[in-house]
C-alpha cells in the first residue's frame, strides 16, 4: 500500500498541517533544525506517517526507532544521534516503552543541551552532538512524565478520522492496487474501520483479495459487505476476537472490571496479541476502558455487548 509522503497526500488534520508548514518554512528561513515534536494518538491513526511527511517536507533524512524497553536502547539512541546530520529527524515510536534511566540519562541531556553521554567503564563522558529533531510518538499518553514532555515545544494529537476522510484514504490506497472504488464502496470499508486508517488499509487488502480471486470487475457496497463478512467483520466493524472480548466482559464477568489475563483465558486469546491488536481499537472507539481493577465496558460497550449476546449467544 502507498504511504502518503507529503502533507497534501495526508487526509484531514488541516490545522495541524498548516501549523507545521509555517514551522518548517520558518526553520528553513532561519537555517535551523525543527523544534522537537511530540505526537500522541490512538494506534493506527498515522503518527509514523505524519513523522515521515514532516521529514519529507523539510527535505531531510528520516530515521525510525521502535522503542521496546530494552537496556541496549540508550546505546542505540546515542548511535542514531551521532550518525545523524544537523537538521535530520529521528522518530522514537511508542516512546512510553523506554526505561526511565534511558529517558533521564540519555534523552534529557540531549533535548536540553544537544549533548549525549557515553559510558566508558565507570566513567561517563558528555559530548556535543548533531542538532537533530526528535519526534516522540505514543499511544499511551498517561505513561509520560511531565519533565520529559516539557522538553518538547510542539505537541500534536492525532484523533480518529471521520468516515468521509477515511474513505479518501481508502480510495488513495486503492489506486496502488489497481482498484477503483466509488465513494459508497469506500465508505463501507471506512465504517467498518471505525475511524482508524491502519484498520481501513488492512480491510482494503482483504477486499482486494476477494475481488481478485473472484474475478470481480464491478465493485459495489454489497461486494464490500461480502468481503468483510468473510473476514468475520460485523455491522459494528468488530472482529470475532473483539466480539468475544465484549461478550466475555458482559456475560461471563457480569460487567465487572476484569483483569486481562482472566479475559484471555475465557476467550482463548494470547495476551500480547489482545493488548497490541485489539484493545487499542476497543479503547479508542469507546467500547472499553482500563481501570485500576481491570478492563470494563463503557455504556456504549454495554449496549453493543448486550446486542451481541442476544444475537450471537454462541460467540464464546
C-alpha atoms as a PDB file:
ATOM      1  CA  UNK A   1       0.000   0.000   0.000  1.00  0.00           C
ATOM      2  CA  UNK A   2       1.116   3.513  -0.747  1.00  0.00           C
ATOM      3  CA  UNK A   3       2.069   5.565   2.311  1.00  0.00           C
ATOM      4  CA  UNK A   4       1.472   9.321   1.975  1.00  0.00           C
ATOM      5  CA  UNK A   5       4.732  11.245   1.661  1.00  0.00           C
ATOM      6  CA  UNK A   6       3.593  14.857   1.626  1.00  0.00           C
ATOM      7  CA  UNK A   7       1.164  16.903   3.670  1.00  0.00           C
ATOM      8  CA  UNK A   8      -1.029  17.240   0.582  1.00  0.00           C
ATOM      9  CA  UNK A   9      -1.351  13.446   0.433  1.00  0.00           C
ATOM     10  CA  UNK A  10      -2.342  13.200   4.105  1.00  0.00           C
ATOM     11  CA  UNK A  11      -6.102  13.460   4.505  1.00  0.00           C
ATOM     12  CA  UNK A  12      -7.553  15.714   7.202  1.00  0.00           C
ATOM     13  CA  UNK A  13      -5.792  17.451  10.119  1.00  0.00           C
ATOM     14  CA  UNK A  14      -5.699  20.676   8.112  1.00  0.00           C
ATOM     15  CA  UNK A  15      -4.926  22.969  11.053  1.00  0.00           C
ATOM     16  CA  UNK A  16      -2.043  20.741  12.143  1.00  0.00           C
ATOM     17  CA  UNK A  17      -0.602  20.686   8.638  1.00  0.00           C
ATOM     18  CA  UNK A  18      -0.943  24.474   8.356  1.00  0.00           C
ATOM     19  CA  UNK A  19       0.954  24.966  11.622  1.00  0.00           C
ATOM     20  CA  UNK A  20       3.681  22.550  10.550  1.00  0.00           C
ATOM     21  CA  UNK A  21       4.059  24.221   7.152  1.00  0.00           C
ATOM     22  CA  UNK A  22       4.758  27.530   8.916  1.00  0.00           C
ATOM     23  CA  UNK A  23       7.145  25.835  11.352  1.00  0.00           C
ATOM     24  CA  UNK A  24       9.064  24.186   8.506  1.00  0.00           C
ATOM     25  CA  UNK A  25       9.196  27.396   6.473  1.00  0.00           C
ATOM     26  CA  UNK A  26      10.475  29.343   9.471  1.00  0.00           C
ATOM     27  CA  UNK A  27      13.192  26.778  10.238  1.00  0.00           C
ATOM     28  CA  UNK A  28      14.361  26.793   6.620  1.00  0.00           C
ATOM     29  CA  UNK A  29      14.493  30.587   6.518  1.00  0.00           C
ATOM     30  CA  UNK A  30      16.472  30.636   9.776  1.00  0.00           C
ATOM     31  CA  UNK A  31      18.753  27.817   8.666  1.00  0.00           C
ATOM     32  CA  UNK A  32      17.901  25.869  11.802  1.00  0.00           C
ATOM     33  CA  UNK A  33      16.586  22.417  12.736  1.00  0.00           C
ATOM     34  CA  UNK A  34      12.910  21.968  13.538  1.00  0.00           C
ATOM     35  CA  UNK A  35      11.849  22.157  17.162  1.00  0.00           C
ATOM     36  CA  UNK A  36      11.292  18.804  18.854  1.00  0.00           C
ATOM     37  CA  UNK A  37       7.799  17.394  18.321  1.00  0.00           C
ATOM     38  CA  UNK A  38       5.600  15.163  20.475  1.00  0.00           C
ATOM     39  CA  UNK A  39       2.898  13.105  18.727  1.00  0.00           C
ATOM     40  CA  UNK A  40       0.103  11.306  20.530  1.00  0.00           C
ATOM     41  CA  UNK A  41      -2.894   9.379  19.309  1.00  0.00           C
ATOM     42  CA  UNK A  42      -4.569   6.005  19.175  1.00  0.00           C
ATOM     43  CA  UNK A  43      -2.866   3.087  17.486  1.00  0.00           C
ATOM     44  CA  UNK A  44      -3.174   3.271  13.721  1.00  0.00           C
ATOM     45  CA  UNK A  45      -4.033   6.970  13.428  1.00  0.00           C
ATOM     46  CA  UNK A  46      -0.959   7.772  11.344  1.00  0.00           C
ATOM     47  CA  UNK A  47       1.707   9.047  13.728  1.00  0.00           C
ATOM     48  CA  UNK A  48       4.552   7.390  11.813  1.00  0.00           C
ATOM     49  CA  UNK A  49       3.119   8.619   8.522  1.00  0.00           C
ATOM     50  CA  UNK A  50       2.959  12.169   9.865  1.00  0.00           C
ATOM     51  CA  UNK A  51       6.546  11.996  11.123  1.00  0.00           C
ATOM     52  CA  UNK A  52       7.754  10.777   7.729  1.00  0.00           C
ATOM     53  CA  UNK A  53       5.840  13.535   5.960  1.00  0.00           C
ATOM     54  CA  UNK A  54       7.410  16.169   8.241  1.00  0.00           C
ATOM     55  CA  UNK A  55      10.862  14.922   7.237  1.00  0.00           C
ATOM     56  CA  UNK A  56       9.885  14.864   3.560  1.00  0.00           C
ATOM     57  CA  UNK A  57       8.520  18.408   3.665  1.00  0.00           C
ATOM     58  CA  UNK A  58      11.621  19.625   5.483  1.00  0.00           C
ATOM     59  CA  UNK A  59      13.828  17.829   2.968  1.00  0.00           C
ATOM     60  CA  UNK A  60      15.952  15.926   5.438  1.00  0.00           C
ATOM     61  CA  UNK A  61      16.937  12.400   6.434  1.00  0.00           C
ATOM     62  CA  UNK A  62      14.490  10.389   8.492  1.00  0.00           C
ATOM     63  CA  UNK A  63      15.246   7.577  10.920  1.00  0.00           C
ATOM     64  CA  UNK A  64      12.857   5.484  12.972  1.00  0.00           C
ATOM     65  CA  UNK A  65      13.317   3.613  16.254  1.00  0.00           C
ATOM     66  CA  UNK A  66      10.525   1.429  17.638  1.00  0.00           C
ATOM     67  CA  UNK A  67      11.070   1.637  21.396  1.00  0.00           C
ATOM     68  CA  UNK A  68      10.840  -1.713  23.182  1.00  0.00           C
ATOM     69  CA  UNK A  69      12.166  -1.000  26.649  1.00  0.00           C
ATOM     70  CA  UNK A  70      15.421  -2.950  26.416  1.00  0.00           C
ATOM     71  CA  UNK A  71      18.645  -1.989  28.208  1.00  0.00           C
ATOM     72  CA  UNK A  72      20.537  -1.508  24.945  1.00  0.00           C
ATOM     73  CA  UNK A  73      18.325   1.348  23.781  1.00  0.00           C
ATOM     74  CA  UNK A  74      20.488   4.021  25.415  1.00  0.00           C
ATOM     75  CA  UNK A  75      23.402   2.976  23.192  1.00  0.00           C
ATOM     76  CA  UNK A  76      21.135   2.682  20.151  1.00  0.00           C
ATOM     77  CA  UNK A  77      19.812   6.198  20.692  1.00  0.00           C
ATOM     78  CA  UNK A  78      23.314   7.643  21.073  1.00  0.00           C
ATOM     79  CA  UNK A  79      24.426   5.895  17.871  1.00  0.00           C
ATOM     80  CA  UNK A  80      21.405   7.172  15.922  1.00  0.00           C
ATOM     81  CA  UNK A  81      22.027  10.733  17.049  1.00  0.00           C
ATOM     82  CA  UNK A  82      25.783  10.705  16.500  1.00  0.00           C
ATOM     83  CA  UNK A  83      25.416   9.240  12.992  1.00  0.00           C
ATOM     84  CA  UNK A  84      22.866  11.898  12.009  1.00  0.00           C
ATOM     85  CA  UNK A  85      23.492  15.284  10.458  1.00  0.00           C
ATOM     86  CA  UNK A  86      22.248  18.658  11.649  1.00  0.00           C
ATOM     87  CA  UNK A  87      18.576  19.012  10.724  1.00  0.00           C
ATOM     88  CA  UNK A  88      17.869  15.269  10.432  1.00  0.00           C
ATOM     89  CA  UNK A  89      14.748  13.856  12.054  1.00  0.00           C
ATOM     90  CA  UNK A  90      14.557  10.785  14.296  1.00  0.00           C
ATOM     91  CA  UNK A  91      11.224   9.251  15.312  1.00  0.00           C
ATOM     92  CA  UNK A  92      11.053   7.426  18.644  1.00  0.00           C
ATOM     93  CA  UNK A  93       7.838   5.438  18.239  1.00  0.00           C
ATOM     94  CA  UNK A  94       5.975   4.112  21.302  1.00  0.00           C
ATOM     95  CA  UNK A  95       8.330   6.230  23.384  1.00  0.00           C
ATOM     96  CA  UNK A  96       6.455   5.291  26.569  1.00  0.00           C
ATOM     97  CA  UNK A  97       8.238   1.919  26.392  1.00  0.00           C
ATOM     98  CA  UNK A  98      11.657   3.487  27.071  1.00  0.00           C
ATOM     99  CA  UNK A  99      13.034   2.774  30.527  1.00  0.00           C
ATOM    100  CA  UNK A 100      13.214   5.701  32.909  1.00  0.00           C
ATOM    101  CA  UNK A 101      17.018   5.548  33.100  1.00  0.00           C
ATOM    102  CA  UNK A 102      17.238   5.769  29.293  1.00  0.00           C
ATOM    103  CA  UNK A 103      14.993   8.826  29.169  1.00  0.00           C
ATOM    104  CA  UNK A 104      16.605  10.559  32.124  1.00  0.00           C
ATOM    105  CA  UNK A 105      20.181   9.527  31.411  1.00  0.00           C
ATOM    106  CA  UNK A 106      20.222   9.945  27.634  1.00  0.00           C
ATOM    107  CA  UNK A 107      17.317  11.920  26.206  1.00  0.00           C
ATOM    108  CA  UNK A 108      17.005  14.588  28.914  1.00  0.00           C
ATOM    109  CA  UNK A 109      20.532  15.862  28.352  1.00  0.00           C
ATOM    110  CA  UNK A 110      20.210  15.750  24.582  1.00  0.00           C
ATOM    111  CA  UNK A 111      16.842  17.519  24.440  1.00  0.00           C
ATOM    112  CA  UNK A 112      18.062  20.189  26.838  1.00  0.00           C
ATOM    113  CA  UNK A 113      21.707  20.692  25.832  1.00  0.00           C
ATOM    114  CA  UNK A 114      22.177  18.867  22.487  1.00  0.00           C
ATOM    115  CA  UNK A 115      24.738  16.612  24.125  1.00  0.00           C
ATOM    116  CA  UNK A 116      24.984  12.851  24.561  1.00  0.00           C
ATOM    117  CA  UNK A 117      26.620  10.865  27.323  1.00  0.00           C
ATOM    118  CA  UNK A 118      28.718   7.770  26.684  1.00  0.00           C
ATOM    119  CA  UNK A 119      29.860   5.441  29.441  1.00  0.00           C
ATOM    120  CA  UNK A 120      33.452   4.157  29.454  1.00  0.00           C
ATOM    121  CA  UNK A 121      33.798   1.652  32.273  1.00  0.00           C
ATOM    122  CA  UNK A 122      32.929   3.564  35.412  1.00  0.00           C
ATOM    123  CA  UNK A 123      33.282   6.970  33.754  1.00  0.00           C
ATOM    124  CA  UNK A 124      30.715   8.921  31.738  1.00  0.00           C
ATOM    125  CA  UNK A 125      31.793  11.357  29.031  1.00  0.00           C
ATOM    126  CA  UNK A 126      29.433  14.053  27.759  1.00  0.00           C
ATOM    127  CA  UNK A 127      29.991  15.413  24.269  1.00  0.00           C
ATOM    128  CA  UNK A 128      28.252  17.739  21.811  1.00  0.00           C
ATOM    129  CA  UNK A 129      26.063  16.030  19.211  1.00  0.00           C
ATOM    130  CA  UNK A 130      24.429  16.926  15.878  1.00  0.00           C
ATOM    131  CA  UNK A 131      21.365  19.093  16.210  1.00  0.00           C
ATOM    132  CA  UNK A 132      18.603  16.760  15.083  1.00  0.00           C
ATOM    133  CA  UNK A 133      14.864  16.970  15.606  1.00  0.00           C
ATOM    134  CA  UNK A 134      13.401  14.363  17.936  1.00  0.00           C
ATOM    135  CA  UNK A 135       9.826  13.306  17.210  1.00  0.00           C
ATOM    136  CA  UNK A 136       8.463  11.230  20.084  1.00  0.00           C
ATOM    137  CA  UNK A 137       5.225   9.310  19.496  1.00  0.00           C
ATOM    138  CA  UNK A 138       2.995   7.436  21.916  1.00  0.00           C
ATOM    139  CA  UNK A 139      -0.343   5.689  22.122  1.00  0.00           C
ATOM    140  CA  UNK A 140      -0.265   5.852  25.934  1.00  0.00           C
ATOM    141  CA  UNK A 141      -0.024   9.465  26.998  1.00  0.00           C
ATOM    142  CA  UNK A 142      -0.845   8.601  30.605  1.00  0.00           C
ATOM    143  CA  UNK A 143       2.544   6.882  30.945  1.00  0.00           C
ATOM    144  CA  UNK A 144       4.527  10.000  30.001  1.00  0.00           C
ATOM    145  CA  UNK A 145       6.154  12.110  32.722  1.00  0.00           C
ATOM    146  CA  UNK A 146       5.812  15.885  32.756  1.00  0.00           C
ATOM    147  CA  UNK A 147       9.589  16.654  32.909  1.00  0.00           C
ATOM    148  CA  UNK A 148      10.042  14.719  29.666  1.00  0.00           C
ATOM    149  CA  UNK A 149       7.063  16.366  27.963  1.00  0.00           C
ATOM    150  CA  UNK A 150       8.344  19.795  28.998  1.00  0.00           C
ATOM    151  CA  UNK A 151      11.353  19.329  26.727  1.00  0.00           C
ATOM    152  CA  UNK A 152       9.148  19.399  23.611  1.00  0.00           C
ATOM    153  CA  UNK A 153       7.822  22.644  22.179  1.00  0.00           C
ATOM    154  CA  UNK A 154       5.344  21.237  19.635  1.00  0.00           C
ATOM    155  CA  UNK A 155       2.521  18.929  20.701  1.00  0.00           C
ATOM    156  CA  UNK A 156       0.268  17.227  18.184  1.00  0.00           C
ATOM    157  CA  UNK A 157      -2.637  14.917  18.927  1.00  0.00           C
ATOM    158  CA  UNK A 158      -3.971  12.844  16.056  1.00  0.00           C
ATOM    159  CA  UNK A 159      -7.580  11.832  16.542  1.00  0.00           C
ATOM    160  CA  UNK A 160      -9.664   9.281  14.714  1.00  0.00           C
ATOM    161  CA  UNK A 161     -10.739  10.166  11.188  1.00  0.00           C
ATOM    162  CA  UNK A 162     -14.278  10.802  10.044  1.00  0.00           C
ATOM    163  CA  UNK A 163     -15.806   8.240   7.707  1.00  0.00           C
ATOM    164  CA  UNK A 164     -15.528  10.705   4.828  1.00  0.00           C
ATOM    165  CA  UNK A 165     -11.827  11.331   5.492  1.00  0.00           C
ATOM    166  CA  UNK A 166     -11.158   7.625   5.857  1.00  0.00           C
ATOM    167  CA  UNK A 167     -12.944   6.950   2.569  1.00  0.00           C
ATOM    168  CA  UNK A 168     -10.492   9.318   0.863  1.00  0.00           C
ATOM    169  CA  UNK A 169      -7.559   7.425   2.387  1.00  0.00           C
ATOM    170  CA  UNK A 170      -9.036   4.145   1.182  1.00  0.00           C
ATOM    171  CA  UNK A 171      -9.540   5.465  -2.351  1.00  0.00           C
ATOM    172  CA  UNK A 172      -5.984   6.852  -2.353  1.00  0.00           C
ATOM    173  CA  UNK A 173      -4.582   3.432  -1.415  1.00  0.00           C
ATOM    174  CA  UNK A 174      -6.906   1.548  -3.760  1.00  0.00           C
ATOM    175  CA  UNK A 175      -5.208   3.132  -6.752  1.00  0.00           C
ATOM    176  CA  UNK A 176      -1.925   1.406  -5.874  1.00  0.00           C
ATOM    177  CA  UNK A 177      -3.798  -1.908  -6.064  1.00  0.00           C
ATOM    178  CA  UNK A 178      -5.305  -1.026  -9.456  1.00  0.00           C
ATOM    179  CA  UNK A 179      -8.731  -0.853  -7.855  1.00  0.00           C
ATOM    180  CA  UNK A 180     -11.339   1.812  -8.467  1.00  0.00           C
ATOM    181  CA  UNK A 181     -13.656   2.297  -5.510  1.00  0.00           C
ATOM    182  CA  UNK A 182     -16.576   4.686  -5.684  1.00  0.00           C
ATOM    183  CA  UNK A 183     -17.399   6.707  -2.589  1.00  0.00           C
ATOM    184  CA  UNK A 184     -20.208   4.439  -1.277  1.00  0.00           C
ATOM    185  CA  UNK A 185     -17.917   1.394  -1.502  1.00  0.00           C
ATOM    186  CA  UNK A 186     -15.047   3.227   0.198  1.00  0.00           C
ATOM    187  CA  UNK A 187     -17.421   4.435   2.908  1.00  0.00           C
ATOM    188  CA  UNK A 188     -18.473   0.849   3.574  1.00  0.00           C
ATOM    189  CA  UNK A 189     -14.883  -0.012   4.439  1.00  0.00           C
ATOM    190  CA  UNK A 190     -14.455   3.242   6.386  1.00  0.00           C
ATOM    191  CA  UNK A 191     -17.457   2.491   8.585  1.00  0.00           C
ATOM    192  CA  UNK A 192     -16.067  -0.933   9.448  1.00  0.00           C
ATOM    193  CA  UNK A 193     -12.650   0.564  10.226  1.00  0.00           C
ATOM    194  CA  UNK A 194     -14.128   2.857  12.901  1.00  0.00           C
ATOM    195  CA  UNK A 195     -12.013   5.897  12.069  1.00  0.00           C
ATOM    196  CA  UNK A 196      -8.637   4.119  12.153  1.00  0.00           C
ATOM    197  CA  UNK A 197      -6.521   4.263   8.960  1.00  0.00           C
ATOM    198  CA  UNK A 198      -4.489   1.156   9.794  1.00  0.00           C
ATOM    199  CA  UNK A 199      -7.636  -0.941  10.075  1.00  0.00           C
ATOM    200  CA  UNK A 200      -9.002   0.585   6.876  1.00  0.00           C
ATOM    201  CA  UNK A 201      -5.879  -0.426   4.950  1.00  0.00           C
ATOM    202  CA  UNK A 202      -5.986  -3.944   6.402  1.00  0.00           C
ATOM    203  CA  UNK A 203      -9.604  -4.317   5.341  1.00  0.00           C
ATOM    204  CA  UNK A 204      -8.870  -2.883   1.898  1.00  0.00           C
ATOM    205  CA  UNK A 205      -6.221  -5.556   1.356  1.00  0.00           C
ATOM    206  CA  UNK A 206      -8.683  -8.324   2.159  1.00  0.00           C
ATOM    207  CA  UNK A 207     -11.274  -6.696  -0.104  1.00  0.00           C
ATOM    208  CA  UNK A 208      -8.630  -6.682  -2.836  1.00  0.00           C
ATOM    209  CA  UNK A 209      -8.063 -10.407  -2.352  1.00  0.00           C
ATOM    210  CA  UNK A 210     -11.805 -11.097  -2.542  1.00  0.00           C
ATOM    211  CA  UNK A 211     -12.151  -9.080  -5.726  1.00  0.00           C
ATOM    212  CA  UNK A 212      -9.111 -10.533  -7.472  1.00  0.00           C
ATOM    213  CA  UNK A 213      -9.743 -14.161  -6.517  1.00  0.00           C
ATOM    214  CA  UNK A 214     -13.359 -13.992  -7.697  1.00  0.00           C
ATOM    215  CA  UNK A 215     -12.611 -12.058 -10.909  1.00  0.00           C
ATOM    216  CA  UNK A 216     -14.976  -9.271  -9.875  1.00  0.00           C
ATOM    217  CA  UNK A 217     -14.962  -6.361 -12.304  1.00  0.00           C
ATOM    218  CA  UNK A 218     -17.590  -4.068 -10.785  1.00  0.00           C
ATOM    219  CA  UNK A 219     -17.123  -3.168  -7.111  1.00  0.00           C
ATOM    220  CA  UNK A 220     -20.243  -2.274  -5.146  1.00  0.00           C
ATOM    221  CA  UNK A 221     -21.040  -1.763  -1.435  1.00  0.00           C
ATOM    222  CA  UNK A 222     -22.610  -5.262  -1.469  1.00  0.00           C
ATOM    223  CA  UNK A 223     -19.339  -6.736  -2.717  1.00  0.00           C
ATOM    224  CA  UNK A 224     -17.542  -4.906   0.091  1.00  0.00           C
ATOM    225  CA  UNK A 225     -20.022  -6.267   2.647  1.00  0.00           C
ATOM    226  CA  UNK A 226     -19.482  -9.797   1.375  1.00  0.00           C
ATOM    227  CA  UNK A 227     -15.704  -9.412   1.639  1.00  0.00           C
ATOM    228  CA  UNK A 228     -15.955  -8.035   5.185  1.00  0.00           C
ATOM    229  CA  UNK A 229     -18.316 -10.853   6.176  1.00  0.00           C
ATOM    230  CA  UNK A 230     -15.752 -13.418   5.000  1.00  0.00           C
ATOM    231  CA  UNK A 231     -13.301 -11.754   7.406  1.00  0.00           C
ATOM    232  CA  UNK A 232     -15.828 -12.082  10.222  1.00  0.00           C
ATOM    233  CA  UNK A 233     -16.322  -8.312  10.433  1.00  0.00           C
ATOM    234  CA  UNK A 234     -19.858  -7.487  11.578  1.00  0.00           C
ATOM    235  CA  UNK A 235     -22.044  -4.389  11.184  1.00  0.00           C
ATOM    236  CA  UNK A 236     -20.271  -2.731  14.118  1.00  0.00           C
ATOM    237  CA  UNK A 237     -16.889  -3.269  12.439  1.00  0.00           C
ATOM    238  CA  UNK A 238     -15.940  -5.784  15.140  1.00  0.00           C
ATOM    239  CA  UNK A 239     -13.789  -8.835  14.531  1.00  0.00           C
ATOM    240  CA  UNK A 240     -14.630 -12.218  16.115  1.00  0.00           C
ATOM    241  CA  UNK A 241     -11.976 -11.716  18.815  1.00  0.00           C
ATOM    242  CA  UNK A 242     -13.347  -8.276  19.680  1.00  0.00           C
ATOM    243  CA  UNK A 243     -16.891  -9.628  19.885  1.00  0.00           C
ATOM    244  CA  UNK A 244     -15.777 -12.446  22.157  1.00  0.00           C
ATOM    245  CA  UNK A 245     -13.948  -9.937  24.362  1.00  0.00           C
ATOM    246  CA  UNK A 246     -17.030  -7.735  24.796  1.00  0.00           C
ATOM    247  CA  UNK A 247     -19.367 -10.667  25.378  1.00  0.00           C
ATOM    248  CA  UNK A 248     -16.995 -12.119  27.994  1.00  0.00           C
ATOM    249  CA  UNK A 249     -16.988  -8.874  29.954  1.00  0.00           C
ATOM    250  CA  UNK A 250     -20.745  -8.541  29.633  1.00  0.00           C
ATOM    251  CA  UNK A 251     -21.899 -12.119  30.168  1.00  0.00           C
ATOM    252  CA  UNK A 252     -19.183 -14.192  31.827  1.00  0.00           C
ATOM    253  CA  UNK A 253     -17.890 -11.450  34.143  1.00  0.00           C
ATOM    254  CA  UNK A 254     -21.260  -9.718  34.581  1.00  0.00           C
ATOM    255  CA  UNK A 255     -19.884  -6.306  33.589  1.00  0.00           C
ATOM    256  CA  UNK A 256     -17.412  -6.262  36.484  1.00  0.00           C
ATOM    257  CA  UNK A 257     -13.918  -4.809  35.876  1.00  0.00           C
ATOM    258  CA  UNK A 258     -11.760  -7.798  34.977  1.00  0.00           C
ATOM    259  CA  UNK A 259      -8.047  -8.455  34.522  1.00  0.00           C
ATOM    260  CA  UNK A 260      -6.756  -9.031  31.013  1.00  0.00           C
ATOM    261  CA  UNK A 261      -5.403 -12.494  31.883  1.00  0.00           C
ATOM    262  CA  UNK A 262      -8.840 -13.659  33.006  1.00  0.00           C
ATOM    263  CA  UNK A 263     -10.469 -12.331  29.841  1.00  0.00           C
ATOM    264  CA  UNK A 264      -7.876 -14.002  27.616  1.00  0.00           C
ATOM    265  CA  UNK A 265      -8.301 -17.307  29.439  1.00  0.00           C
ATOM    266  CA  UNK A 266     -12.037 -17.286  28.813  1.00  0.00           C
ATOM    267  CA  UNK A 267     -11.860 -16.377  25.126  1.00  0.00           C
ATOM    268  CA  UNK A 268      -8.682 -18.401  24.468  1.00  0.00           C
ATOM    269  CA  UNK A 269      -6.630 -15.475  23.160  1.00  0.00           C
ATOM    270  CA  UNK A 270      -2.969 -14.577  23.573  1.00  0.00           C
ATOM    271  CA  UNK A 271      -2.496 -11.647  25.958  1.00  0.00           C
ATOM    272  CA  UNK A 272       0.178  -9.966  23.836  1.00  0.00           C
ATOM    273  CA  UNK A 273      -1.985 -10.168  20.735  1.00  0.00           C
ATOM    274  CA  UNK A 274      -5.003  -8.858  22.613  1.00  0.00           C
ATOM    275  CA  UNK A 275      -3.116  -5.903  24.106  1.00  0.00           C
ATOM    276  CA  UNK A 276      -1.382  -4.918  20.868  1.00  0.00           C
ATOM    277  CA  UNK A 277      -4.003  -5.697  18.221  1.00  0.00           C
ATOM    278  CA  UNK A 278      -7.469  -5.498  19.724  1.00  0.00           C
ATOM    279  CA  UNK A 279      -7.578  -3.486  22.931  1.00  0.00           C
ATOM    280  CA  UNK A 280      -6.242  -0.223  21.416  1.00  0.00           C
ATOM    281  CA  UNK A 281      -9.140  -0.198  18.950  1.00  0.00           C
ATOM    282  CA  UNK A 282     -11.722  -1.151  21.561  1.00  0.00           C
ATOM    283  CA  UNK A 283     -10.436   1.673  23.768  1.00  0.00           C
ATOM    284  CA  UNK A 284     -10.163   4.294  21.025  1.00  0.00           C
ATOM    285  CA  UNK A 285     -13.688   3.544  19.804  1.00  0.00           C
ATOM    286  CA  UNK A 286     -15.072   3.963  23.301  1.00  0.00           C
ATOM    287  CA  UNK A 287     -16.156   0.374  23.980  1.00  0.00           C
ATOM    288  CA  UNK A 288     -13.893  -0.425  26.931  1.00  0.00           C
ATOM    289  CA  UNK A 289     -11.758   1.437  29.437  1.00  0.00           C
ATOM    290  CA  UNK A 290      -8.805   0.426  31.589  1.00  0.00           C
ATOM    291  CA  UNK A 291      -9.347   0.871  35.330  1.00  0.00           C
ATOM    292  CA  UNK A 292      -7.239   0.034  38.369  1.00  0.00           C
ATOM    293  CA  UNK A 293      -9.461  -3.008  38.873  1.00  0.00           C
ATOM    294  CA  UNK A 294      -9.187  -4.212  35.287  1.00  0.00           C
ATOM    295  CA  UNK A 295     -10.918  -3.765  31.934  1.00  0.00           C
ATOM    296  CA  UNK A 296     -14.508  -2.525  31.968  1.00  0.00           C
ATOM    297  CA  UNK A 297     -17.240  -1.902  29.430  1.00  0.00           C
ATOM    298  CA  UNK A 298     -18.353   1.650  28.709  1.00  0.00           C
ATOM    299  CA  UNK A 299     -22.077   2.440  28.355  1.00  0.00           C
ATOM    300  CA  UNK A 300     -21.613   2.180  24.585  1.00  0.00           C
ATOM    301  CA  UNK A 301     -19.790  -1.124  25.013  1.00  0.00           C
ATOM    302  CA  UNK A 302     -22.596  -2.457  27.227  1.00  0.00           C
ATOM    303  CA  UNK A 303     -25.221  -1.684  24.590  1.00  0.00           C
ATOM    304  CA  UNK A 304     -23.258  -3.419  21.838  1.00  0.00           C
ATOM    305  CA  UNK A 305     -22.337  -6.386  24.048  1.00  0.00           C
ATOM    306  CA  UNK A 306     -25.989  -6.785  25.010  1.00  0.00           C
ATOM    307  CA  UNK A 307     -26.965  -6.883  21.340  1.00  0.00           C
ATOM    308  CA  UNK A 308     -24.170  -9.349  20.566  1.00  0.00           C
ATOM    309  CA  UNK A 309     -25.223 -11.590  23.439  1.00  0.00           C
ATOM    310  CA  UNK A 310     -28.802 -11.707  22.176  1.00  0.00           C
ATOM    311  CA  UNK A 311     -27.956 -12.256  18.529  1.00  0.00           C
ATOM    312  CA  UNK A 312     -24.823 -14.389  18.904  1.00  0.00           C
ATOM    313  CA  UNK A 313     -25.095 -16.373  22.158  1.00  0.00           C
ATOM    314  CA  UNK A 314     -22.603 -18.849  20.735  1.00  0.00           C
ATOM    315  CA  UNK A 315     -19.780 -16.259  20.459  1.00  0.00           C
ATOM    316  CA  UNK A 316     -17.761 -17.829  23.260  1.00  0.00           C
END
